[in-house]
PDB file of all heavy atoms in Angstrom:
ATOM      1  N   ARG A   1     -10.423   0.430 -10.607  1.00  0.00           N
ATOM      2  CA  ARG A   1     -11.721   0.715  -9.888  1.00  0.00           C
ATOM      3  C   ARG A   1     -12.846  -0.137 -10.423  1.00  0.00           C
ATOM      4  O   ARG A   1     -13.893  -0.266  -9.776  1.00  0.00           O
ATOM      5  CB  ARG A   1     -12.075   2.215 -10.073  1.00  0.00           C
ATOM      6  CG  ARG A   1     -11.127   3.115  -9.355  1.00  0.00           C
ATOM      7  CD  ARG A   1     -11.521   4.535  -9.570  1.00  0.00           C
ATOM      8  NE  ARG A   1     -10.510   5.440  -8.997  1.00  0.00           N
ATOM      9  CZ  ARG A   1     -10.802   6.216  -7.931  1.00  0.00           C
ATOM     10  NH1 ARG A   1     -12.006   6.246  -7.427  1.00  0.00           N
ATOM     11  NH2 ARG A   1      -9.850   6.993  -7.446  1.00  0.00           N
ATOM     12  N   ASP A   2     -12.682  -0.701 -11.592  1.00  0.00           N
ATOM     13  CA  ASP A   2     -13.672  -1.627 -12.158  1.00  0.00           C
ATOM     14  C   ASP A   2     -14.001  -2.785 -11.217  1.00  0.00           C
ATOM     15  O   ASP A   2     -15.135  -3.210 -11.076  1.00  0.00           O
ATOM     16  CB  ASP A   2     -13.285  -2.165 -13.511  1.00  0.00           C
ATOM     17  CG  ASP A   2     -13.198  -1.070 -14.569  1.00  0.00           C
ATOM     18  OD1 ASP A   2     -13.775   0.044 -14.317  1.00  0.00           O
ATOM     19  OD2 ASP A   2     -12.536  -1.315 -15.584  1.00  0.00           O
ATOM     20  N   LEU A   3     -12.927  -3.264 -10.540  1.00  0.00           N
ATOM     21  CA  LEU A   3     -13.096  -4.408  -9.638  1.00  0.00           C
ATOM     22  C   LEU A   3     -13.960  -4.039  -8.456  1.00  0.00           C
ATOM     23  O   LEU A   3     -14.556  -4.931  -7.837  1.00  0.00           O
ATOM     24  CB  LEU A   3     -11.743  -4.907  -9.157  1.00  0.00           C
ATOM     25  CG  LEU A   3     -10.877  -5.560 -10.237  1.00  0.00           C
ATOM     26  CD1 LEU A   3      -9.475  -5.848  -9.649  1.00  0.00           C
ATOM     27  CD2 LEU A   3     -11.494  -6.810 -10.793  1.00  0.00           C
ATOM     28  N   LEU A   4     -14.052  -2.793  -8.133  1.00  0.00           N
ATOM     29  CA  LEU A   4     -14.773  -2.358  -6.940  1.00  0.00           C
ATOM     30  C   LEU A   4     -16.310  -2.257  -7.202  1.00  0.00           C
ATOM     31  O   LEU A   4     -17.054  -1.956  -6.335  1.00  0.00           O
ATOM     32  CB  LEU A   4     -14.243  -1.104  -6.378  1.00  0.00           C
ATOM     33  CG  LEU A   4     -12.791  -1.151  -5.921  1.00  0.00           C
ATOM     34  CD1 LEU A   4     -12.309   0.204  -5.401  1.00  0.00           C
ATOM     35  CD2 LEU A   4     -12.649  -2.222  -4.810  1.00  0.00           C
ATOM     36  N   GLY A   5     -16.710  -2.512  -8.453  1.00  0.00           N
ATOM     37  CA  GLY A   5     -18.139  -2.425  -8.787  1.00  0.00           C
ATOM     38  C   GLY A   5     -18.848  -3.757  -8.409  1.00  0.00           C
ATOM     39  O   GLY A   5     -19.893  -4.014  -8.947  1.00  0.00           O
ATOM     40  N   THR A   6     -18.226  -4.581  -7.611  1.00  0.00           N
ATOM     41  CA  THR A   6     -18.801  -5.852  -7.248  1.00  0.00           C
ATOM     42  C   THR A   6     -19.645  -5.732  -5.979  1.00  0.00           C
ATOM     43  O   THR A   6     -19.722  -4.662  -5.393  1.00  0.00           O
ATOM     44  CB  THR A   6     -17.681  -6.886  -7.040  1.00  0.00           C
ATOM     45  OG1 THR A   6     -16.854  -6.442  -6.001  1.00  0.00           O
ATOM     46  CG2 THR A   6     -16.826  -7.049  -8.247  1.00  0.00           C
ATOM     47  N   LYS A   7     -20.191  -6.857  -5.511  1.00  0.00           N
ATOM     48  CA  LYS A   7     -20.960  -6.854  -4.332  1.00  0.00           C
ATOM     49  C   LYS A   7     -20.090  -6.562  -3.095  1.00  0.00           C
ATOM     50  O   LYS A   7     -18.863  -6.656  -3.164  1.00  0.00           O
ATOM     51  CB  LYS A   7     -21.607  -8.226  -4.118  1.00  0.00           C
ATOM     52  CG  LYS A   7     -22.654  -8.526  -5.159  1.00  0.00           C
ATOM     53  CD  LYS A   7     -23.392  -9.763  -4.856  1.00  0.00           C
ATOM     54  CE  LYS A   7     -24.468  -9.967  -5.909  1.00  0.00           C
ATOM     55  NZ  LYS A   7     -25.320 -11.077  -5.632  1.00  0.00           N
ATOM     56  N   LEU A   8     -20.670  -6.077  -2.042  1.00  0.00           N
ATOM     57  CA  LEU A   8     -19.958  -5.670  -0.839  1.00  0.00           C
ATOM     58  C   LEU A   8     -18.958  -6.645  -0.346  1.00  0.00           C
ATOM     59  O   LEU A   8     -17.799  -6.254  -0.061  1.00  0.00           O
ATOM     60  CB  LEU A   8     -20.983  -5.326   0.274  1.00  0.00           C
ATOM     61  CG  LEU A   8     -20.358  -4.772   1.514  1.00  0.00           C
ATOM     62  CD1 LEU A   8     -19.632  -3.442   1.309  1.00  0.00           C
ATOM     63  CD2 LEU A   8     -21.446  -4.589   2.623  1.00  0.00           C
ATOM     64  N   GLU A   9     -19.321  -7.934  -0.248  1.00  0.00           N
ATOM     65  CA  GLU A   9     -18.421  -8.869   0.303  1.00  0.00           C
ATOM     66  C   GLU A   9     -17.154  -9.022  -0.582  1.00  0.00           C
ATOM     67  O   GLU A   9     -15.997  -9.057  -0.061  1.00  0.00           O
ATOM     68  CB  GLU A   9     -19.069 -10.248   0.399  1.00  0.00           C
ATOM     69  CG  GLU A   9     -20.207 -10.322   1.424  1.00  0.00           C
ATOM     70  CD  GLU A   9     -21.500  -9.926   0.845  1.00  0.00           C
ATOM     71  OE1 GLU A   9     -21.604  -9.619  -0.385  1.00  0.00           O
ATOM     72  OE2 GLU A   9     -22.516  -9.803   1.624  1.00  0.00           O
ATOM     73  N   ALA A  10     -17.332  -9.052  -1.907  1.00  0.00           N
ATOM     74  CA  ALA A  10     -16.223  -9.149  -2.803  1.00  0.00           C
ATOM     75  C   ALA A  10     -15.374  -7.857  -2.755  1.00  0.00           C
ATOM     76  O   ALA A  10     -14.169  -7.868  -2.782  1.00  0.00           O
ATOM     77  CB  ALA A  10     -16.700  -9.420  -4.201  1.00  0.00           C
ATOM     78  N   LYS A  11     -16.064  -6.714  -2.636  1.00  0.00           N
ATOM     79  CA  LYS A  11     -15.338  -5.415  -2.582  1.00  0.00           C
ATOM     80  C   LYS A  11     -14.434  -5.397  -1.329  1.00  0.00           C
ATOM     81  O   LYS A  11     -13.295  -4.908  -1.411  1.00  0.00           O
ATOM     82  CB  LYS A  11     -16.355  -4.281  -2.546  1.00  0.00           C
ATOM     83  CG  LYS A  11     -15.700  -2.914  -2.557  1.00  0.00           C
ATOM     84  CD  LYS A  11     -16.754  -1.798  -2.367  1.00  0.00           C
ATOM     85  CE  LYS A  11     -17.528  -1.644  -3.634  1.00  0.00           C
ATOM     86  NZ  LYS A  11     -18.372  -0.441  -3.645  1.00  0.00           N
ATOM     87  N   GLU A  12     -14.972  -5.882  -0.213  1.00  0.00           N
ATOM     88  CA  GLU A  12     -14.185  -5.922   1.022  1.00  0.00           C
ATOM     89  C   GLU A  12     -12.914  -6.747   0.838  1.00  0.00           C
ATOM     90  O   GLU A  12     -11.844  -6.371   1.298  1.00  0.00           O
ATOM     91  CB  GLU A  12     -15.014  -6.417   2.155  1.00  0.00           C
ATOM     92  CG  GLU A  12     -16.074  -5.473   2.636  1.00  0.00           C
ATOM     93  CD  GLU A  12     -17.008  -6.057   3.664  1.00  0.00           C
ATOM     94  OE1 GLU A  12     -17.194  -7.300   3.703  1.00  0.00           O
ATOM     95  OE2 GLU A  12     -17.604  -5.222   4.418  1.00  0.00           O
ATOM     96  N   VAL A  13     -13.051  -7.909   0.218  1.00  0.00           N
ATOM     97  CA  VAL A  13     -11.893  -8.753  -0.031  1.00  0.00           C
ATOM     98  C   VAL A  13     -10.861  -8.067  -0.960  1.00  0.00           C
ATOM     99  O   VAL A  13      -9.680  -8.113  -0.709  1.00  0.00           O
ATOM    100  CB  VAL A  13     -12.325 -10.138  -0.591  1.00  0.00           C
ATOM    101  CG1 VAL A  13     -11.106 -10.961  -1.003  1.00  0.00           C
ATOM    102  CG2 VAL A  13     -13.118 -10.884   0.432  1.00  0.00           C
ATOM    103  N   LEU A  14     -11.377  -7.428  -2.008  1.00  0.00           N
ATOM    104  CA  LEU A  14     -10.489  -6.710  -2.957  1.00  0.00           C
ATOM    105  C   LEU A  14      -9.788  -5.606  -2.279  1.00  0.00           C
ATOM    106  O   LEU A  14      -8.546  -5.340  -2.431  1.00  0.00           O
ATOM    107  CB  LEU A  14     -11.255  -6.205  -4.132  1.00  0.00           C
ATOM    108  CG  LEU A  14     -11.743  -7.318  -5.129  1.00  0.00           C
ATOM    109  CD1 LEU A  14     -12.796  -6.716  -6.086  1.00  0.00           C
ATOM    110  CD2 LEU A  14     -10.589  -7.921  -5.897  1.00  0.00           C
ATOM    111  N   LEU A  15     -10.528  -4.823  -1.433  1.00  0.00           N
ATOM    112  CA  LEU A  15      -9.888  -3.730  -0.704  1.00  0.00           C
ATOM    113  C   LEU A  15      -8.841  -4.261   0.290  1.00  0.00           C
ATOM    114  O   LEU A  15      -7.764  -3.613   0.475  1.00  0.00           O
ATOM    115  CB  LEU A  15     -10.950  -2.907  -0.027  1.00  0.00           C
ATOM    116  CG  LEU A  15     -11.773  -2.010  -0.940  1.00  0.00           C
ATOM    117  CD1 LEU A  15     -12.964  -1.373  -0.193  1.00  0.00           C
ATOM    118  CD2 LEU A  15     -10.914  -0.981  -1.576  1.00  0.00           C
ATOM    119  N   SER A  16      -9.139  -5.357   0.934  1.00  0.00           N
ATOM    120  CA  SER A  16      -8.188  -5.931   1.891  1.00  0.00           C
ATOM    121  C   SER A  16      -6.877  -6.313   1.131  1.00  0.00           C
ATOM    122  O   SER A  16      -5.761  -6.054   1.579  1.00  0.00           O
ATOM    123  CB  SER A  16      -8.795  -7.154   2.548  1.00  0.00           C
ATOM    124  OG  SER A  16      -7.882  -7.774   3.384  1.00  0.00           O
ATOM    125  N   ALA A  17      -7.067  -6.959  -0.060  1.00  0.00           N
ATOM    126  CA  ALA A  17      -5.863  -7.323  -0.853  1.00  0.00           C
ATOM    127  C   ALA A  17      -5.095  -6.086  -1.308  1.00  0.00           C
ATOM    128  O   ALA A  17      -3.859  -6.084  -1.309  1.00  0.00           O
ATOM    129  CB  ALA A  17      -6.327  -8.142  -2.048  1.00  0.00           C
ATOM    130  N   ALA A  18      -5.801  -5.089  -1.694  1.00  0.00           N
ATOM    131  CA  ALA A  18      -5.140  -3.804  -2.097  1.00  0.00           C
ATOM    132  C   ALA A  18      -4.338  -3.250  -0.916  1.00  0.00           C
ATOM    133  O   ALA A  18      -3.193  -2.784  -1.094  1.00  0.00           O
ATOM    134  CB  ALA A  18      -6.161  -2.786  -2.650  1.00  0.00           C
ATOM    135  N   LEU A  19      -4.990  -3.149   0.215  1.00  0.00           N
ATOM    136  CA  LEU A  19      -4.249  -2.634   1.415  1.00  0.00           C
ATOM    137  C   LEU A  19      -3.054  -3.458   1.774  1.00  0.00           C
ATOM    138  O   LEU A  19      -2.028  -2.915   2.133  1.00  0.00           O
ATOM    139  CB  LEU A  19      -5.238  -2.554   2.629  1.00  0.00           C
ATOM    140  CG  LEU A  19      -6.305  -1.425   2.535  1.00  0.00           C
ATOM    141  CD1 LEU A  19      -7.299  -1.592   3.673  1.00  0.00           C
ATOM    142  CD2 LEU A  19      -5.651  -0.081   2.552  1.00  0.00           C
ATOM    143  N   GLN A  20      -3.217  -4.761   1.622  1.00  0.00           N
ATOM    144  CA  GLN A  20      -2.076  -5.653   1.851  1.00  0.00           C
ATOM    145  C   GLN A  20      -0.929  -5.373   0.917  1.00  0.00           C
ATOM    146  O   GLN A  20       0.249  -5.307   1.287  1.00  0.00           O
ATOM    147  CB  GLN A  20      -2.497  -7.128   1.748  1.00  0.00           C
ATOM    148  CG  GLN A  20      -1.421  -8.154   2.062  1.00  0.00           C
ATOM    149  CD  GLN A  20      -1.962  -9.545   1.950  1.00  0.00           C
ATOM    150  OE1 GLN A  20      -3.023  -9.800   1.318  1.00  0.00           O
ATOM    151  NE2 GLN A  20      -1.264 -10.467   2.524  1.00  0.00           N
ATOM    152  N   THR A  21      -1.277  -5.119  -0.356  1.00  0.00           N
ATOM    153  CA  THR A  21      -0.261  -4.798  -1.370  1.00  0.00           C
ATOM    154  C   THR A  21       0.368  -3.418  -1.028  1.00  0.00           C
ATOM    155  O   THR A  21       1.648  -3.294  -1.168  1.00  0.00           O
ATOM    156  CB  THR A  21      -0.911  -4.780  -2.777  1.00  0.00           C
ATOM    157  OG1 THR A  21      -1.542  -6.054  -2.946  1.00  0.00           O
ATOM    158  CG2 THR A  21       0.127  -4.480  -3.828  1.00  0.00           C
ATOM    159  N   TYR A  22      -0.426  -2.465  -0.645  1.00  0.00           N
ATOM    160  CA  TYR A  22       0.119  -1.124  -0.261  1.00  0.00           C
ATOM    161  C   TYR A  22       1.111  -1.301   0.922  1.00  0.00           C
ATOM    162  O   TYR A  22       2.138  -0.672   0.978  1.00  0.00           O
ATOM    163  CB  TYR A  22      -0.968  -0.160   0.160  1.00  0.00           C
ATOM    164  CG  TYR A  22      -1.517   0.578  -1.040  1.00  0.00           C
ATOM    165  CD1 TYR A  22      -2.814   0.336  -1.504  1.00  0.00           C
ATOM    166  CD2 TYR A  22      -0.721   1.502  -1.688  1.00  0.00           C
ATOM    167  CE1 TYR A  22      -3.297   1.057  -2.553  1.00  0.00           C
ATOM    168  CE2 TYR A  22      -1.240   2.208  -2.810  1.00  0.00           C
ATOM    169  CZ  TYR A  22      -2.508   1.951  -3.218  1.00  0.00           C
ATOM    170  OH  TYR A  22      -2.976   2.659  -4.319  1.00  0.00           O
ATOM    171  N   GLU A  23       0.766  -2.163   1.847  1.00  0.00           N
ATOM    172  CA  GLU A  23       1.629  -2.365   3.032  1.00  0.00           C
ATOM    173  C   GLU A  23       3.006  -2.926   2.528  1.00  0.00           C
ATOM    174  O   GLU A  23       4.047  -2.429   2.963  1.00  0.00           O
ATOM    175  CB  GLU A  23       0.981  -3.377   3.983  1.00  0.00           C
ATOM    176  CG  GLU A  23       1.730  -3.482   5.296  1.00  0.00           C
ATOM    177  CD  GLU A  23       0.974  -4.343   6.290  1.00  0.00           C
ATOM    178  OE1 GLU A  23      -0.281  -4.444   6.175  1.00  0.00           O
ATOM    179  OE2 GLU A  23       1.607  -4.935   7.176  1.00  0.00           O
ATOM    180  N   GLU A  24       2.969  -3.868   1.616  1.00  0.00           N
ATOM    181  CA  GLU A  24       4.205  -4.445   1.068  1.00  0.00           C
ATOM    182  C   GLU A  24       4.996  -3.381   0.290  1.00  0.00           C
ATOM    183  O   GLU A  24       6.208  -3.321   0.344  1.00  0.00           O
ATOM    184  CB  GLU A  24       3.893  -5.667   0.195  1.00  0.00           C
ATOM    185  CG  GLU A  24       3.318  -6.875   1.013  1.00  0.00           C
ATOM    186  CD  GLU A  24       2.811  -7.985   0.113  1.00  0.00           C
ATOM    187  OE1 GLU A  24       3.104  -7.990  -1.134  1.00  0.00           O
ATOM    188  OE2 GLU A  24       2.099  -8.846   0.617  1.00  0.00           O
ATOM    189  N   LEU A  25       4.260  -2.619  -0.527  1.00  0.00           N
ATOM    190  CA  LEU A  25       4.915  -1.583  -1.311  1.00  0.00           C
ATOM    191  C   LEU A  25       5.651  -0.552  -0.446  1.00  0.00           C
ATOM    192  O   LEU A  25       6.819  -0.167  -0.677  1.00  0.00           O
ATOM    193  CB  LEU A  25       3.910  -0.865  -2.216  1.00  0.00           C
ATOM    194  CG  LEU A  25       3.387  -1.547  -3.422  1.00  0.00           C
ATOM    195  CD1 LEU A  25       2.179  -0.832  -3.987  1.00  0.00           C
ATOM    196  CD2 LEU A  25       4.447  -1.697  -4.445  1.00  0.00           C
ATOM    197  N   ILE A  26       4.907  -0.072   0.580  1.00  0.00           N
ATOM    198  CA  ILE A  26       5.491   0.933   1.435  1.00  0.00           C
ATOM    199  C   ILE A  26       6.646   0.355   2.239  1.00  0.00           C
ATOM    200  O   ILE A  26       7.648   1.025   2.431  1.00  0.00           O
ATOM    201  CB  ILE A  26       4.442   1.557   2.385  1.00  0.00           C
ATOM    202  CG1 ILE A  26       3.389   2.274   1.458  1.00  0.00           C
ATOM    203  CG2 ILE A  26       5.009   2.520   3.352  1.00  0.00           C
ATOM    204  CD1 ILE A  26       2.100   2.644   2.187  1.00  0.00           C
ATOM    205  N   GLN A  27       6.551  -0.912   2.718  1.00  0.00           N
ATOM    206  CA  GLN A  27       7.649  -1.499   3.429  1.00  0.00           C
ATOM    207  C   GLN A  27       8.869  -1.608   2.529  1.00  0.00           C
ATOM    208  O   GLN A  27      10.023  -1.328   2.975  1.00  0.00           O
ATOM    209  CB  GLN A  27       7.269  -2.881   3.957  1.00  0.00           C
ATOM    210  CG  GLN A  27       6.316  -2.849   5.147  1.00  0.00           C
ATOM    211  CD  GLN A  27       5.826  -4.186   5.528  1.00  0.00           C
ATOM    212  OE1 GLN A  27       5.806  -5.126   4.727  1.00  0.00           O
ATOM    213  NE2 GLN A  27       5.320  -4.306   6.763  1.00  0.00           N
ATOM    214  N   ARG A  28       8.678  -1.962   1.279  1.00  0.00           N
ATOM    215  CA  ARG A  28       9.775  -1.998   0.316  1.00  0.00           C
ATOM    216  C   ARG A  28      10.356  -0.674   0.067  1.00  0.00           C
ATOM    217  O   ARG A  28      11.569  -0.495   0.005  1.00  0.00           O
ATOM    218  CB  ARG A  28       9.276  -2.622  -0.984  1.00  0.00           C
ATOM    219  CG  ARG A  28      10.287  -2.657  -2.142  1.00  0.00           C
ATOM    220  CD  ARG A  28      11.285  -3.790  -2.030  1.00  0.00           C
ATOM    221  NE  ARG A  28      10.785  -5.105  -1.795  1.00  0.00           N
ATOM    222  CZ  ARG A  28      10.519  -6.033  -2.724  1.00  0.00           C
ATOM    223  NH1 ARG A  28      10.650  -5.766  -4.017  1.00  0.00           N
ATOM    224  NH2 ARG A  28      10.051  -7.207  -2.330  1.00  0.00           N
ATOM    225  N   MET A  29       9.494   0.379   0.022  1.00  0.00           N
ATOM    226  CA  MET A  29       9.996   1.765  -0.242  1.00  0.00           C
ATOM    227  C   MET A  29      10.856   2.194   0.961  1.00  0.00           C
ATOM    228  O   MET A  29      11.911   2.825   0.797  1.00  0.00           O
ATOM    229  CB  MET A  29       8.839   2.691  -0.394  1.00  0.00           C
ATOM    230  CG  MET A  29       8.087   2.468  -1.718  1.00  0.00           C
ATOM    231  SD  MET A  29       6.514   3.333  -1.817  1.00  0.00           S
ATOM    232  CE  MET A  29       7.073   4.970  -2.172  1.00  0.00           C
ATOM    233  N   LEU A  30      10.428   1.850   2.144  1.00  0.00           N
ATOM    234  CA  LEU A  30      11.203   2.184   3.368  1.00  0.00           C
ATOM    235  C   LEU A  30      12.575   1.494   3.358  1.00  0.00           C
ATOM    236  O   LEU A  30      13.559   2.081   3.696  1.00  0.00           O
ATOM    237  CB  LEU A  30      10.390   1.843   4.637  1.00  0.00           C
ATOM    238  CG  LEU A  30       9.481   2.878   5.130  1.00  0.00           C
ATOM    239  CD1 LEU A  30       8.520   2.275   6.184  1.00  0.00           C
ATOM    240  CD2 LEU A  30      10.195   4.054   5.699  1.00  0.00           C
ATOM    241  N   LYS A  31      12.503   0.238   3.034  1.00  0.00           N
ATOM    242  CA  LYS A  31      13.698  -0.625   2.981  1.00  0.00           C
ATOM    243  C   LYS A  31      14.742  -0.093   1.951  1.00  0.00           C
ATOM    244  O   LYS A  31      15.916  -0.085   2.271  1.00  0.00           O
ATOM    245  CB  LYS A  31      13.329  -2.066   2.699  1.00  0.00           C
ATOM    246  CG  LYS A  31      14.446  -3.082   2.824  1.00  0.00           C
ATOM    247  CD  LYS A  31      13.868  -4.481   2.521  1.00  0.00           C
ATOM    248  CE  LYS A  31      14.977  -5.481   2.618  1.00  0.00           C
ATOM    249  NZ  LYS A  31      14.411  -6.859   2.358  1.00  0.00           N
ATOM    250  N   GLU A  32      14.236   0.316   0.799  1.00  0.00           N
ATOM    251  CA  GLU A  32      15.137   0.778  -0.235  1.00  0.00           C
ATOM    252  C   GLU A  32      15.431   2.262  -0.188  1.00  0.00           C
ATOM    253  O   GLU A  32      16.148   2.717  -1.045  1.00  0.00           O
ATOM    254  CB  GLU A  32      14.497   0.402  -1.580  1.00  0.00           C
ATOM    255  CG  GLU A  32      14.407  -1.085  -1.784  1.00  0.00           C
ATOM    256  CD  GLU A  32      13.700  -1.436  -3.117  1.00  0.00           C
ATOM    257  OE1 GLU A  32      13.194  -0.533  -3.831  1.00  0.00           O
ATOM    258  OE2 GLU A  32      13.631  -2.674  -3.408  1.00  0.00           O
ATOM    259  N   LEU A  33      14.890   2.921   0.799  1.00  0.00           N
ATOM    260  CA  LEU A  33      15.169   4.383   0.895  1.00  0.00           C
ATOM    261  C   LEU A  33      16.663   4.592   1.277  1.00  0.00           C
ATOM    262  O   LEU A  33      17.118   4.060   2.288  1.00  0.00           O
ATOM    263  CB  LEU A  33      14.321   4.982   1.983  1.00  0.00           C
ATOM    264  CG  LEU A  33      14.172   6.472   2.052  1.00  0.00           C
ATOM    265  CD1 LEU A  33      13.538   6.988   0.770  1.00  0.00           C
ATOM    266  CD2 LEU A  33      13.359   6.897   3.289  1.00  0.00           C
ATOM    267  N   PRO A  34      17.413   5.340   0.506  1.00  0.00           N
ATOM    268  CA  PRO A  34      18.847   5.527   0.814  1.00  0.00           C
ATOM    269  C   PRO A  34      18.959   6.227   2.161  1.00  0.00           C
ATOM    270  O   PRO A  34      18.118   7.035   2.550  1.00  0.00           O
ATOM    271  CB  PRO A  34      19.328   6.375  -0.317  1.00  0.00           C
ATOM    272  CG  PRO A  34      18.297   6.336  -1.403  1.00  0.00           C
ATOM    273  CD  PRO A  34      17.031   5.946  -0.717  1.00  0.00           C
ATOM    274  N   GLY A  35      20.047   5.932   2.805  1.00  0.00           N
ATOM    275  CA  GLY A  35      20.295   6.510   4.087  1.00  0.00           C
ATOM    276  C   GLY A  35      20.446   8.038   4.127  1.00  0.00           C
ATOM    277  O   GLY A  35      20.135   8.676   5.116  1.00  0.00           O
ATOM    278  N   ASP A  36      20.819   8.551   2.977  1.00  0.00           N
ATOM    279  CA  ASP A  36      21.028   9.985   2.868  1.00  0.00           C
ATOM    280  C   ASP A  36      19.742  10.751   2.512  1.00  0.00           C
ATOM    281  O   ASP A  36      19.721  11.958   2.418  1.00  0.00           O
ATOM    282  CB  ASP A  36      22.127  10.374   1.883  1.00  0.00           C
ATOM    283  CG  ASP A  36      21.802   9.849   0.458  1.00  0.00           C
ATOM    284  OD1 ASP A  36      20.960   8.999   0.366  1.00  0.00           O
ATOM    285  OD2 ASP A  36      22.427  10.364  -0.482  1.00  0.00           O
ATOM    286  N   GLU A  37      18.655  10.028   2.294  1.00  0.00           N
ATOM    287  CA  GLU A  37      17.354  10.634   2.006  1.00  0.00           C
ATOM    288  C   GLU A  37      16.925  11.410   3.231  1.00  0.00           C
ATOM    289  O   GLU A  37      17.290  11.138   4.365  1.00  0.00           O
ATOM    290  CB  GLU A  37      16.308   9.612   1.622  1.00  0.00           C
ATOM    291  CG  GLU A  37      16.496   9.046   0.226  1.00  0.00           C
ATOM    292  CD  GLU A  37      16.077   9.986  -0.879  1.00  0.00           C
ATOM    293  OE1 GLU A  37      15.341  10.968  -0.636  1.00  0.00           O
ATOM    294  OE2 GLU A  37      16.636   9.825  -1.976  1.00  0.00           O
ATOM    295  N   SER A  38      16.012  12.377   3.029  1.00  0.00           N
ATOM    296  CA  SER A  38      15.571  13.231   4.163  1.00  0.00           C
ATOM    297  C   SER A  38      14.786  12.340   5.172  1.00  0.00           C
ATOM    298  O   SER A  38      14.077  11.382   4.818  1.00  0.00           O
ATOM    299  CB  SER A  38      14.699  14.340   3.661  1.00  0.00           C
ATOM    300  OG  SER A  38      13.446  13.859   3.300  1.00  0.00           O
ATOM    301  N   ALA A  39      14.897  12.710   6.389  1.00  0.00           N
ATOM    302  CA  ALA A  39      14.191  12.032   7.502  1.00  0.00           C
ATOM    303  C   ALA A  39      12.716  12.241   7.316  1.00  0.00           C
ATOM    304  O   ALA A  39      11.883  11.427   7.802  1.00  0.00           O
ATOM    305  CB  ALA A  39      14.675  12.568   8.812  1.00  0.00           C
ATOM    306  N   ASP A  40      12.313  13.355   6.657  1.00  0.00           N
ATOM    307  CA  ASP A  40      10.862  13.647   6.470  1.00  0.00           C
ATOM    308  C   ASP A  40      10.228  12.546   5.604  1.00  0.00           C
ATOM    309  O   ASP A  40       9.110  12.126   5.898  1.00  0.00           O
ATOM    310  CB  ASP A  40      10.719  14.994   5.798  1.00  0.00           C
ATOM    311  CG  ASP A  40      11.080  16.164   6.754  1.00  0.00           C
ATOM    312  OD1 ASP A  40      11.151  15.914   7.949  1.00  0.00           O
ATOM    313  OD2 ASP A  40      11.252  17.249   6.257  1.00  0.00           O
ATOM    314  N   VAL A  41      10.941  12.126   4.534  1.00  0.00           N
ATOM    315  CA  VAL A  41      10.348  11.133   3.685  1.00  0.00           C
ATOM    316  C   VAL A  41      10.171   9.812   4.442  1.00  0.00           C
ATOM    317  O   VAL A  41       9.164   9.184   4.355  1.00  0.00           O
ATOM    318  CB  VAL A  41      11.272  10.893   2.389  1.00  0.00           C
ATOM    319  CG1 VAL A  41      10.782   9.749   1.590  1.00  0.00           C
ATOM    320  CG2 VAL A  41      11.266  12.171   1.554  1.00  0.00           C
ATOM    321  N   ARG A  42      11.211   9.445   5.210  1.00  0.00           N
ATOM    322  CA  ARG A  42      11.123   8.232   6.040  1.00  0.00           C
ATOM    323  C   ARG A  42       9.932   8.313   7.019  1.00  0.00           C
ATOM    324  O   ARG A  42       9.183   7.351   7.213  1.00  0.00           O
ATOM    325  CB  ARG A  42      12.409   7.964   6.699  1.00  0.00           C
ATOM    326  CG  ARG A  42      12.446   6.643   7.507  1.00  0.00           C
ATOM    327  CD  ARG A  42      13.794   6.302   8.071  1.00  0.00           C
ATOM    328  NE  ARG A  42      14.810   6.104   7.020  1.00  0.00           N
ATOM    329  CZ  ARG A  42      14.917   5.054   6.258  1.00  0.00           C
ATOM    330  NH1 ARG A  42      14.093   4.000   6.475  1.00  0.00           N
ATOM    331  NH2 ARG A  42      15.856   4.946   5.362  1.00  0.00           N
ATOM    332  N   ALA A  43       9.793   9.463   7.634  1.00  0.00           N
ATOM    333  CA  ALA A  43       8.709   9.657   8.613  1.00  0.00           C
ATOM    334  C   ALA A  43       7.344   9.609   7.920  1.00  0.00           C
ATOM    335  O   ALA A  43       6.432   9.023   8.447  1.00  0.00           O
ATOM    336  CB  ALA A  43       8.911  11.023   9.365  1.00  0.00           C
ATOM    337  N   ASP A  44       7.287  10.209   6.765  1.00  0.00           N
ATOM    338  CA  ASP A  44       6.020  10.178   6.020  1.00  0.00           C
ATOM    339  C   ASP A  44       5.632   8.785   5.635  1.00  0.00           C
ATOM    340  O   ASP A  44       4.492   8.331   5.752  1.00  0.00           O
ATOM    341  CB  ASP A  44       6.084  11.098   4.747  1.00  0.00           C
ATOM    342  CG  ASP A  44       6.039  12.588   5.110  1.00  0.00           C
ATOM    343  OD1 ASP A  44       5.712  12.904   6.248  1.00  0.00           O
ATOM    344  OD2 ASP A  44       6.284  13.422   4.227  1.00  0.00           O
TER     345      ASP A  44
END
């Protein structure tokens, strides 16, 4: 959260990078989710 104490323009870039990272993380989680895991987890 320390990085978010910057000016608005820099904060927007940092948040964009964080969201991009979350997108990659969640895609990897979906990809690595075993087939026998609950459908609820995949849907979530």
